[in-house]
Amino acid sequence: MEQYIGLIAAFLTTVSFAPQAIKTIRTRNTESISLGMYVLFTTGVGCWLVYGLYLNNLPIILANSITLILTGIILIMKVKHG
Protein backbone atom coordinates (compact mmCIF):
# COMPACT_ATOMS: atom_id res chain seq x y z
CA MET A 1 0.00 0.00 0.00
CA GLU A 2 2.76 2.47 0.88
CA GLN A 3 4.35 1.89 -2.54
CA TYR A 4 1.10 3.04 -4.21
CA ILE A 5 0.92 6.14 -2.04
CA GLY A 6 4.53 6.89 -2.92
CA LEU A 7 3.86 6.41 -6.63
CA ILE A 8 0.83 8.72 -6.49
CA ALA A 9 2.83 11.35 -4.58
CA ALA A 10 5.74 11.03 -7.02
CA PHE A 11 3.42 11.35 -10.01
CA LEU A 12 1.60 14.40 -8.64
CA THR A 13 4.71 16.32 -7.60
CA THR A 14 6.49 15.60 -10.87
CA VAL A 15 3.46 16.42 -13.02
CA SER A 16 2.84 19.64 -11.08
CA PHE A 17 6.33 20.83 -12.00
CA ALA A 18 6.08 19.83 -15.66
CA PRO A 19 3.92 22.72 -17.03
CA GLN A 20 6.37 25.36 -15.77
CA ALA A 21 9.32 23.38 -17.07
CA ILE A 22 7.70 22.90 -20.47
CA LYS A 23 6.82 26.60 -20.70
CA THR A 24 10.37 27.62 -19.80
CA ILE A 25 11.88 25.17 -22.27
CA ARG A 26 9.55 26.31 -25.07
CA THR A 27 9.92 30.06 -24.52
CA ARG A 28 13.55 29.94 -23.39
CA ASN A 29 12.63 32.78 -21.05
CA THR A 30 14.48 32.37 -17.76
CA GLU A 31 14.46 36.04 -16.76
CA SER A 32 12.08 35.57 -13.83
CA ILE A 33 13.81 32.44 -12.53
CA SER A 34 16.15 32.76 -9.56
CA LEU A 35 19.52 31.17 -10.31
CA GLY A 36 20.19 30.55 -6.63
CA MET A 37 16.85 28.85 -6.13
CA TYR A 38 17.37 26.58 -9.13
CA VAL A 39 20.89 25.64 -8.05
CA LEU A 40 19.58 24.69 -4.59
CA PHE A 41 16.48 22.95 -5.97
CA THR A 42 18.38 20.93 -8.57
CA THR A 43 20.97 19.93 -5.99
CA GLY A 44 18.21 18.88 -3.61
CA VAL A 45 16.49 16.82 -6.29
CA GLY A 46 19.81 15.15 -7.06
CA CYS A 47 20.22 14.30 -3.37
CA TRP A 48 16.68 12.85 -3.26
CA LEU A 49 17.55 10.70 -6.26
CA VAL A 50 20.70 9.36 -4.58
CA TYR A 51 18.69 8.73 -1.41
CA GLY A 52 16.06 6.84 -3.40
CA LEU A 53 18.77 4.76 -5.03
CA TYR A 54 20.23 3.87 -1.63
CA LEU A 55 16.77 2.81 -0.43
CA ASN A 56 15.93 1.15 -3.75
CA ASN A 57 12.65 3.09 -3.57
CA LEU A 58 10.98 3.22 -6.97
CA PRO A 59 8.69 6.24 -6.35
CA ILE A 60 11.60 8.37 -5.14
CA ILE A 61 13.83 7.22 -7.99
CA LEU A 62 11.24 7.82 -10.73
CA ALA A 63 10.01 11.19 -9.51
CA ASN A 64 13.44 12.63 -8.90
CA SER A 65 14.97 11.25 -12.11
CA ILE A 66 12.35 13.01 -14.20
CA THR A 67 12.45 16.18 -12.12
CA LEU A 68 16.27 16.25 -12.20
CA ILE A 69 16.23 16.11 -16.00
CA LEU A 70 13.71 18.97 -16.20
CA THR A 71 15.42 21.14 -13.58
CA GLY A 72 18.80 20.42 -15.10
CA ILE A 73 17.64 21.63 -18.51
CA ILE A 74 16.16 24.80 -17.00
CA LEU A 75 19.29 25.42 -14.91
CA ILE A 76 21.50 25.05 -17.98
CA MET A 77 19.24 27.43 -19.90
CA LYS A 78 19.36 29.94 -17.04
CA VAL A 79 23.16 29.85 -16.94
CA LYS A 80 23.51 30.11 -20.73
CA HIS A 81 20.77 32.67 -21.43
CA GLY A 82 20.11 34.27 -18.03
PDB file of N, CA and C in Angstrom:
ATOM      1  N   MET A   1       0.821  -1.203   0.000  1.00  0.00           N
ATOM      2  CA  MET A   1       0.000   0.000   0.000  1.00  0.00           C
ATOM      3  C   MET A   1       0.863   1.264   0.000  1.00  0.00           C
ATOM      4  N   GLU A   2       1.928   1.266   0.816  1.00  0.00           N
ATOM      5  CA  GLU A   2       2.761   2.472   0.877  1.00  0.00           C
ATOM      6  C   GLU A   2       3.444   2.754  -0.453  1.00  0.00           C
ATOM      7  N   GLN A   3       3.741   1.704  -1.221  1.00  0.00           N
ATOM      8  CA  GLN A   3       4.353   1.886  -2.541  1.00  0.00           C
ATOM      9  C   GLN A   3       3.398   2.650  -3.462  1.00  0.00           C
ATOM     10  N   TYR A   4       2.095   2.347  -3.388  1.00  0.00           N
ATOM     11  CA  TYR A   4       1.104   3.041  -4.211  1.00  0.00           C
ATOM     12  C   TYR A   4       0.968   4.503  -3.805  1.00  0.00           C
ATOM     13  N   ILE A   5       0.975   4.757  -2.513  1.00  0.00           N
ATOM     14  CA  ILE A   5       0.917   6.140  -2.041  1.00  0.00           C
ATOM     15  C   ILE A   5       2.147   6.898  -2.525  1.00  0.00           C
ATOM     16  N   GLY A   6       3.303   6.271  -2.437  1.00  0.00           N
ATOM     17  CA  GLY A   6       4.534   6.894  -2.921  1.00  0.00           C
ATOM     18  C   GLY A   6       4.497   7.163  -4.413  1.00  0.00           C
ATOM     19  N   LEU A   7       3.964   6.216  -5.178  1.00  0.00           N
ATOM     20  CA  LEU A   7       3.861   6.410  -6.632  1.00  0.00           C
ATOM     21  C   LEU A   7       2.903   7.540  -6.970  1.00  0.00           C
ATOM     22  N   ILE A   8       1.785   7.622  -6.263  1.00  0.00           N
ATOM     23  CA  ILE A   8       0.827   8.719  -6.494  1.00  0.00           C
ATOM     24  C   ILE A   8       1.473  10.055  -6.140  1.00  0.00           C
ATOM     25  N   ALA A   9       2.152  10.120  -4.992  1.00  0.00           N
ATOM     26  CA  ALA A   9       2.829  11.352  -4.584  1.00  0.00           C
ATOM     27  C   ALA A   9       3.907  11.742  -5.593  1.00  0.00           C
ATOM     28  N   ALA A  10       4.687  10.767  -6.040  1.00  0.00           N
ATOM     29  CA  ALA A  10       5.742  11.029  -7.019  1.00  0.00           C
ATOM     30  C   ALA A  10       5.151  11.554  -8.319  1.00  0.00           C
ATOM     31  N   PHE A  11       4.075  10.920  -8.772  1.00  0.00           N
ATOM     32  CA  PHE A  11       3.423  11.348 -10.006  1.00  0.00           C
ATOM     33  C   PHE A  11       2.910  12.780  -9.884  1.00  0.00           C
ATOM     34  N   LEU A  12       2.197  13.069  -8.804  1.00  0.00           N
ATOM     35  CA  LEU A  12       1.596  14.397  -8.638  1.00  0.00           C
ATOM     36  C   LEU A  12       2.645  15.495  -8.527  1.00  0.00           C
ATOM     37  N   THR A  13       3.703  15.274  -7.751  1.00  0.00           N
ATOM     38  CA  THR A  13       4.709  16.323  -7.603  1.00  0.00           C
ATOM     39  C   THR A  13       5.504  16.536  -8.886  1.00  0.00           C
ATOM     40  N   THR A  14       5.767  15.474  -9.606  1.00  0.00           N
ATOM     41  CA  THR A  14       6.491  15.603 -10.873  1.00  0.00           C
ATOM     42  C   THR A  14       5.624  16.270 -11.925  1.00  0.00           C
ATOM     43  N   VAL A  15       4.384  15.848 -12.028  1.00  0.00           N
ATOM     44  CA  VAL A  15       3.463  16.420 -13.022  1.00  0.00           C
ATOM     45  C   VAL A  15       3.175  17.884 -12.705  1.00  0.00           C
ATOM     46  N   SER A  16       3.115  18.243 -11.421  1.00  0.00           N
ATOM     47  CA  SER A  16       2.839  19.641 -11.076  1.00  0.00           C
ATOM     48  C   SER A  16       3.971  20.561 -11.516  1.00  0.00           C
ATOM     49  N   PHE A  17       5.180  20.040 -11.573  1.00  0.00           N
ATOM     50  CA  PHE A  17       6.332  20.832 -11.996  1.00  0.00           C
ATOM     51  C   PHE A  17       6.431  20.917 -13.516  1.00  0.00           C
ATOM     52  N   ALA A  18       5.911  19.938 -14.207  1.00  0.00           N
ATOM     53  CA  ALA A  18       6.084  19.826 -15.661  1.00  0.00           C
ATOM     54  C   ALA A  18       5.577  21.032 -16.459  1.00  0.00           C
ATOM     55  N   PRO A  19       4.378  21.591 -16.193  1.00  0.00           N
ATOM     56  CA  PRO A  19       3.924  22.720 -17.028  1.00  0.00           C
ATOM     57  C   PRO A  19       4.889  23.916 -17.021  1.00  0.00           C
ATOM     58  N   GLN A  20       5.423  24.246 -15.837  1.00  0.00           N
ATOM     59  CA  GLN A  20       6.369  25.356 -15.771  1.00  0.00           C
ATOM     60  C   GLN A  20       7.649  25.017 -16.518  1.00  0.00           C
ATOM     61  N   ALA A  21       8.110  23.797 -16.367  1.00  0.00           N
ATOM     62  CA  ALA A  21       9.322  23.378 -17.066  1.00  0.00           C
ATOM     63  C   ALA A  21       9.116  23.421 -18.574  1.00  0.00           C
ATOM     64  N   ILE A  22       7.995  22.910 -19.033  1.00  0.00           N
ATOM     65  CA  ILE A  22       7.703  22.902 -20.471  1.00  0.00           C
ATOM     66  C   ILE A  22       7.611  24.328 -21.006  1.00  0.00           C
ATOM     67  N   LYS A  23       6.942  25.204 -20.262  1.00  0.00           N
ATOM     68  CA  LYS A  23       6.823  26.602 -20.699  1.00  0.00           C
ATOM     69  C   LYS A  23       8.199  27.254 -20.784  1.00  0.00           C
ATOM     70  N   THR A  24       9.033  27.025 -19.798  1.00  0.00           N
ATOM     71  CA  THR A  24      10.368  27.619 -19.802  1.00  0.00           C
ATOM     72  C   THR A  24      11.207  27.069 -20.947  1.00  0.00           C
ATOM     73  N   ILE A  25      11.116  25.784 -21.187  1.00  0.00           N
ATOM     74  CA  ILE A  25      11.876  25.168 -22.274  1.00  0.00           C
ATOM     75  C   ILE A  25      11.403  25.691 -23.625  1.00  0.00           C
ATOM     76  N   ARG A  26      10.092  25.808 -23.789  1.00  0.00           N
ATOM     77  CA  ARG A  26       9.549  26.307 -25.074  1.00  0.00           C
ATOM     78  C   ARG A  26       9.888  27.766 -25.328  1.00  0.00           C
ATOM     79  N   THR A  27       9.715  28.618 -24.312  1.00  0.00           N
ATOM     80  CA  THR A  27       9.918  30.055 -24.519  1.00  0.00           C
ATOM     81  C   THR A  27      11.376  30.472 -24.362  1.00  0.00           C
ATOM     82  N   ARG A  28      12.154  29.634 -23.701  1.00  0.00           N
ATOM     83  CA  ARG A  28      13.550  29.937 -23.386  1.00  0.00           C
ATOM     84  C   ARG A  28      13.697  31.210 -22.549  1.00  0.00           C
ATOM     85  N   ASN A  29      12.606  31.591 -21.886  1.00  0.00           N
ATOM     86  CA  ASN A  29      12.625  32.780 -21.047  1.00  0.00           C
ATOM     87  C   ASN A  29      12.898  32.374 -19.611  1.00  0.00           C
ATOM     88  N   THR A  30      14.088  32.705 -19.131  1.00  0.00           N
ATOM     89  CA  THR A  30      14.480  32.374 -17.763  1.00  0.00           C
ATOM     90  C   THR A  30      14.682  33.626 -16.914  1.00  0.00           C
ATOM     91  N   GLU A  31      14.235  34.767 -17.430  1.00  0.00           N
ATOM     92  CA  GLU A  31      14.462  36.038 -16.759  1.00  0.00           C
ATOM     93  C   GLU A  31      13.898  36.061 -15.335  1.00  0.00           C
ATOM     94  N   SER A  32      12.723  35.504 -15.140  1.00  0.00           N
ATOM     95  CA  SER A  32      12.082  35.574 -13.826  1.00  0.00           C
ATOM     96  C   SER A  32      12.474  34.423 -12.903  1.00  0.00           C
ATOM     97  N   ILE A  33      13.395  33.584 -13.333  1.00  0.00           N
ATOM     98  CA  ILE A  33      13.813  32.440 -12.528  1.00  0.00           C
ATOM     99  C   ILE A  33      15.050  32.816 -11.723  1.00  0.00           C
ATOM    100  N   SER A  34      15.022  32.502 -10.445  1.00  0.00           N
ATOM    101  CA  SER A  34      16.154  32.764  -9.564  1.00  0.00           C
ATOM    102  C   SER A  34      17.221  31.680  -9.762  1.00  0.00           C
ATOM    103  N   LEU A  35      18.422  32.107 -10.119  1.00  0.00           N
ATOM    104  CA  LEU A  35      19.521  31.168 -10.307  1.00  0.00           C
ATOM    105  C   LEU A  35      19.833  30.436  -9.001  1.00  0.00           C
ATOM    106  N   GLY A  36      19.889  31.164  -7.911  1.00  0.00           N
ATOM    107  CA  GLY A  36      20.185  30.549  -6.626  1.00  0.00           C
ATOM    108  C   GLY A  36      19.162  29.494  -6.241  1.00  0.00           C
ATOM    109  N   MET A  37      17.900  29.802  -6.458  1.00  0.00           N
ATOM    110  CA  MET A  37      16.846  28.848  -6.131  1.00  0.00           C
ATOM    111  C   MET A  37      16.978  27.593  -6.980  1.00  0.00           C
ATOM    112  N   TYR A  38      17.257  27.751  -8.258  1.00  0.00           N
ATOM    113  CA  TYR A  38      17.369  26.577  -9.131  1.00  0.00           C
ATOM    114  C   TYR A  38      18.618  25.754  -8.848  1.00  0.00           C
ATOM    115  N   VAL A  39      19.698  26.393  -8.442  1.00  0.00           N
ATOM    116  CA  VAL A  39      20.888  25.636  -8.047  1.00  0.00           C
ATOM    117  C   VAL A  39      20.566  24.791  -6.814  1.00  0.00           C
ATOM    118  N   LEU A  40      19.941  25.412  -5.812  1.00  0.00           N
ATOM    119  CA  LEU A  40      19.582  24.690  -4.592  1.00  0.00           C
ATOM    120  C   LEU A  40      18.558  23.588  -4.880  1.00  0.00           C
ATOM    121  N   PHE A  41      17.538  23.906  -5.669  1.00  0.00           N
ATOM    122  CA  PHE A  41      16.482  22.948  -5.970  1.00  0.00           C
ATOM    123  C   PHE A  41      17.024  21.749  -6.743  1.00  0.00           C
ATOM    124  N   THR A  42      17.818  22.018  -7.761  1.00  0.00           N
ATOM    125  CA  THR A  42      18.381  20.934  -8.574  1.00  0.00           C
ATOM    126  C   THR A  42      19.317  20.064  -7.735  1.00  0.00           C
ATOM    127  N   THR A  43      20.101  20.686  -6.878  1.00  0.00           N
ATOM    128  CA  THR A  43      20.971  19.929  -5.988  1.00  0.00           C
ATOM    129  C   THR A  43      20.148  19.064  -5.036  1.00  0.00           C
ATOM    130  N   GLY A  44      19.087  19.637  -4.497  1.00  0.00           N
ATOM    131  CA  GLY A  44      18.209  18.880  -3.609  1.00  0.00           C
ATOM    132  C   GLY A  44      17.557  17.699  -4.298  1.00  0.00           C
ATOM    133  N   VAL A  45      17.093  17.903  -5.520  1.00  0.00           N
ATOM    134  CA  VAL A  45      16.489  16.819  -6.291  1.00  0.00           C
ATOM    135  C   VAL A  45      17.518  15.725  -6.556  1.00  0.00           C
ATOM    136  N   GLY A  46      18.744  16.130  -6.860  1.00  0.00           N
ATOM    137  CA  GLY A  46      19.809  15.149  -7.059  1.00  0.00           C
ATOM    138  C   GLY A  46      20.070  14.338  -5.794  1.00  0.00           C
ATOM    139  N   CYS A  47      20.042  15.007  -4.649  1.00  0.00           N
ATOM    140  CA  CYS A  47      20.222  14.297  -3.371  1.00  0.00           C
ATOM    141  C   CYS A  47      19.067  13.331  -3.110  1.00  0.00           C
ATOM    142  N   TRP A  48      17.835  13.757  -3.416  1.00  0.00           N
ATOM    143  CA  TRP A  48      16.683  12.854  -3.262  1.00  0.00           C
ATOM    144  C   TRP A  48      16.835  11.631  -4.155  1.00  0.00           C
ATOM    145  N   LEU A  49      17.343  11.829  -5.348  1.00  0.00           N
ATOM    146  CA  LEU A  49      17.553  10.700  -6.261  1.00  0.00           C
ATOM    147  C   LEU A  49      18.567   9.718  -5.681  1.00  0.00           C
ATOM    148  N   VAL A  50      19.681  10.225  -5.184  1.00  0.00           N
ATOM    149  CA  VAL A  50      20.695   9.356  -4.581  1.00  0.00           C
ATOM    150  C   VAL A  50      20.107   8.626  -3.372  1.00  0.00           C
ATOM    151  N   TYR A  51      19.348   9.330  -2.565  1.00  0.00           N
ATOM    152  CA  TYR A  51      18.686   8.731  -1.405  1.00  0.00           C
ATOM    153  C   TYR A  51      17.745   7.605  -1.846  1.00  0.00           C
ATOM    154  N   GLY A  52      16.955   7.864  -2.876  1.00  0.00           N
ATOM    155  CA  GLY A  52      16.060   6.838  -3.404  1.00  0.00           C
ATOM    156  C   GLY A  52      16.814   5.623  -3.927  1.00  0.00           C
ATOM    157  N   LEU A  53      17.952   5.867  -4.543  1.00  0.00           N
ATOM    158  CA  LEU A  53      18.774   4.757  -5.031  1.00  0.00           C
ATOM    159  C   LEU A  53      19.312   3.927  -3.868  1.00  0.00           C
ATOM    160  N   TYR A  54      19.761   4.595  -2.806  1.00  0.00           N
ATOM    161  CA  TYR A  54      20.232   3.866  -1.627  1.00  0.00           C
ATOM    162  C   TYR A  54      19.133   3.004  -1.019  1.00  0.00           C
ATOM    163  N   LEU A  55      17.906   3.551  -1.004  1.00  0.00           N
ATOM    164  CA  LEU A  55      16.771   2.815  -0.433  1.00  0.00           C
ATOM    165  C   LEU A  55      16.167   1.821  -1.411  1.00  0.00           C
ATOM    166  N   ASN A  56      16.557   1.944  -2.691  1.00  0.00           N
ATOM    167  CA  ASN A  56      15.933   1.153  -3.750  1.00  0.00           C
ATOM    168  C   ASN A  56      14.420   1.384  -3.760  1.00  0.00           C
ATOM    169  N   ASN A  57      14.049   2.686  -3.670  1.00  0.00           N
ATOM    170  CA  ASN A  57      12.649   3.089  -3.569  1.00  0.00           C
ATOM    171  C   ASN A  57      12.195   3.648  -4.913  1.00  0.00           C
ATOM    172  N   LEU A  58      11.390   2.865  -5.617  1.00  0.00           N
ATOM    173  CA  LEU A  58      10.978   3.217  -6.974  1.00  0.00           C
ATOM    174  C   LEU A  58      10.289   4.578  -7.082  1.00  0.00           C
ATOM    175  N   PRO A  59       9.324   4.923  -6.218  1.00  0.00           N
ATOM    176  CA  PRO A  59       8.690   6.243  -6.355  1.00  0.00           C
ATOM    177  C   PRO A  59       9.689   7.391  -6.246  1.00  0.00           C
ATOM    178  N   ILE A  60      10.612   7.302  -5.296  1.00  0.00           N
ATOM    179  CA  ILE A  60      11.601   8.375  -5.135  1.00  0.00           C
ATOM    180  C   ILE A  60      12.526   8.425  -6.346  1.00  0.00           C
ATOM    181  N   ILE A  61      12.929   7.284  -6.833  1.00  0.00           N
ATOM    182  CA  ILE A  61      13.833   7.220  -7.987  1.00  0.00           C
ATOM    183  C   ILE A  61      13.155   7.789  -9.233  1.00  0.00           C
ATOM    184  N   LEU A  62      11.942   7.354  -9.520  1.00  0.00           N
ATOM    185  CA  LEU A  62      11.240   7.821 -10.726  1.00  0.00           C
ATOM    186  C   LEU A  62      10.974   9.316 -10.695  1.00  0.00           C
ATOM    187  N   ALA A  63      10.380   9.773  -9.597  1.00  0.00           N
ATOM    188  CA  ALA A  63      10.015  11.193  -9.510  1.00  0.00           C
ATOM    189  C   ALA A  63      11.236  12.084  -9.630  1.00  0.00           C
ATOM    190  N   ASN A  64      12.282  11.749  -8.919  1.00  0.00           N
ATOM    191  CA  ASN A  64      13.437  12.626  -8.902  1.00  0.00           C
ATOM    192  C   ASN A  64      14.305  12.503 -10.146  1.00  0.00           C
ATOM    193  N   SER A  65      14.273  11.366 -10.819  1.00  0.00           N
ATOM    194  CA  SER A  65      14.972  11.253 -12.106  1.00  0.00           C
ATOM    195  C   SER A  65      14.355  12.191 -13.132  1.00  0.00           C
ATOM    196  N   ILE A  66      13.044  12.153 -13.231  1.00  0.00           N
ATOM    197  CA  ILE A  66      12.347  13.014 -14.197  1.00  0.00           C
ATOM    198  C   ILE A  66      12.524  14.478 -13.824  1.00  0.00           C
ATOM    199  N   THR A  67      12.328  14.799 -12.556  1.00  0.00           N
ATOM    200  CA  THR A  67      12.454  16.185 -12.116  1.00  0.00           C
ATOM    201  C   THR A  67      13.883  16.687 -12.282  1.00  0.00           C
ATOM    202  N   LEU A  68      14.876  15.843 -12.033  1.00  0.00           N
ATOM    203  CA  LEU A  68      16.273  16.249 -12.203  1.00  0.00           C
ATOM    204  C   LEU A  68      16.576  16.579 -13.665  1.00  0.00           C
ATOM    205  N   ILE A  69      16.038  15.827 -14.574  1.00  0.00           N
ATOM    206  CA  ILE A  69      16.232  16.114 -15.996  1.00  0.00           C
ATOM    207  C   ILE A  69      15.630  17.476 -16.337  1.00  0.00           C
ATOM    208  N   LEU A  70      14.387  17.700 -15.895  1.00  0.00           N
ATOM    209  CA  LEU A  70      13.714  18.973 -16.204  1.00  0.00           C
ATOM    210  C   LEU A  70      14.411  20.153 -15.538  1.00  0.00           C
ATOM    211  N   THR A  71      14.757  20.024 -14.257  1.00  0.00           N
ATOM    212  CA  THR A  71      15.421  21.143 -13.582  1.00  0.00           C
ATOM    213  C   THR A  71      16.821  21.367 -14.126  1.00  0.00           C
ATOM    214  N   GLY A  72      17.478  20.290 -14.511  1.00  0.00           N
ATOM    215  CA  GLY A  72      18.804  20.423 -15.104  1.00  0.00           C
ATOM    216  C   GLY A  72      18.777  21.197 -16.406  1.00  0.00           C
ATOM    217  N   ILE A  73      17.784  20.900 -17.237  1.00  0.00           N
ATOM    218  CA  ILE A  73      17.635  21.632 -18.505  1.00  0.00           C
ATOM    219  C   ILE A  73      17.390  23.114 -18.234  1.00  0.00           C
ATOM    220  N   ILE A  74      16.478  23.398 -17.308  1.00  0.00           N
ATOM    221  CA  ILE A  74      16.162  24.797 -17.000  1.00  0.00           C
ATOM    222  C   ILE A  74      17.375  25.498 -16.398  1.00  0.00           C
ATOM    223  N   LEU A  75      18.099  24.820 -15.513  1.00  0.00           N
ATOM    224  CA  LEU A  75      19.287  25.421 -14.909  1.00  0.00           C
ATOM    225  C   LEU A  75      20.343  25.723 -15.968  1.00  0.00           C
ATOM    226  N   ILE A  76      20.555  24.814 -16.881  1.00  0.00           N
ATOM    227  CA  ILE A  76      21.504  25.053 -17.980  1.00  0.00           C
ATOM    228  C   ILE A  76      21.053  26.242 -18.828  1.00  0.00           C
ATOM    229  N   MET A  77      19.753  26.298 -19.120  1.00  0.00           N
ATOM    230  CA  MET A  77      19.236  27.435 -19.898  1.00  0.00           C
ATOM    231  C   MET A  77      19.433  28.754 -19.143  1.00  0.00           C
ATOM    232  N   LYS A  78      19.195  28.730 -17.841  1.00  0.00           N
ATOM    233  CA  LYS A  78      19.362  29.944 -17.037  1.00  0.00           C
ATOM    234  C   LYS A  78      20.805  30.407 -17.066  1.00  0.00           C
ATOM    235  N   VAL A  79      21.740  29.496 -16.928  1.00  0.00           N
ATOM    236  CA  VAL A  79      23.163  29.853 -16.935  1.00  0.00           C
ATOM    237  C   VAL A  79      23.585  30.364 -18.311  1.00  0.00           C
ATOM    238  N   LYS A  80      23.107  29.711 -19.367  1.00  0.00           N
ATOM    239  CA  LYS A  80      23.508  30.113 -20.728  1.00  0.00           C
ATOM    240  C   LYS A  80      22.848  31.404 -21.184  1.00  0.00           C
ATOM    241  N   HIS A  81      21.545  31.553 -20.873  1.00  0.00           N
ATOM    242  CA  HIS A  81      20.773  32.673 -21.430  1.00  0.00           C
ATOM    243  C   HIS A  81      20.337  33.681 -20.382  1.00  0.00           C
ATOM    244  N   GLY A  82      20.626  33.423 -19.112  1.00  0.00           N
ATOM    245  CA  GLY A  82      20.109  34.274 -18.035  1.00  0.00           C
ATOM    246  C   GLY A  82      20.971  35.449 -17.779  1.00  0.00           C
TER     247      GLY A  82
END
